[in-house]
């Protein structure tokens, strides 16, 4: 996916494009996860979409739900969604910082011919 140690670092333009694509991938993952949470809260807790959005967004953001689940299905969903949200946070963070870390390490280890 990225250039190897024997290849020179990519141009600033290509690097900026790479960072933007990674950011868009992370944003897409977060949006898809938010939609999953909204649908789950609407289905299991019978919440209107605004309340379902609020609960899903708070869990996805690491704050916890606003309303405690009342149904058995809602409790299981909220617990699983909370675990899933923690993983999504780690993956999204990794997606965003991966190209920056790679560029730093690539410039540090690049074997310039010369």
Foldseek 3Di string as FASTA:
>chain_A
DADDQADDHDDPVVLVVQLVVLLVVLVVLLVVLLVVQLVQCCVQQVDPSVLSSQQSVCLLVPNHGPDDRDDPSSNVVSVVSSVVSVVSVVVSVCSNCVSVVVSVVSVVRRDDDD
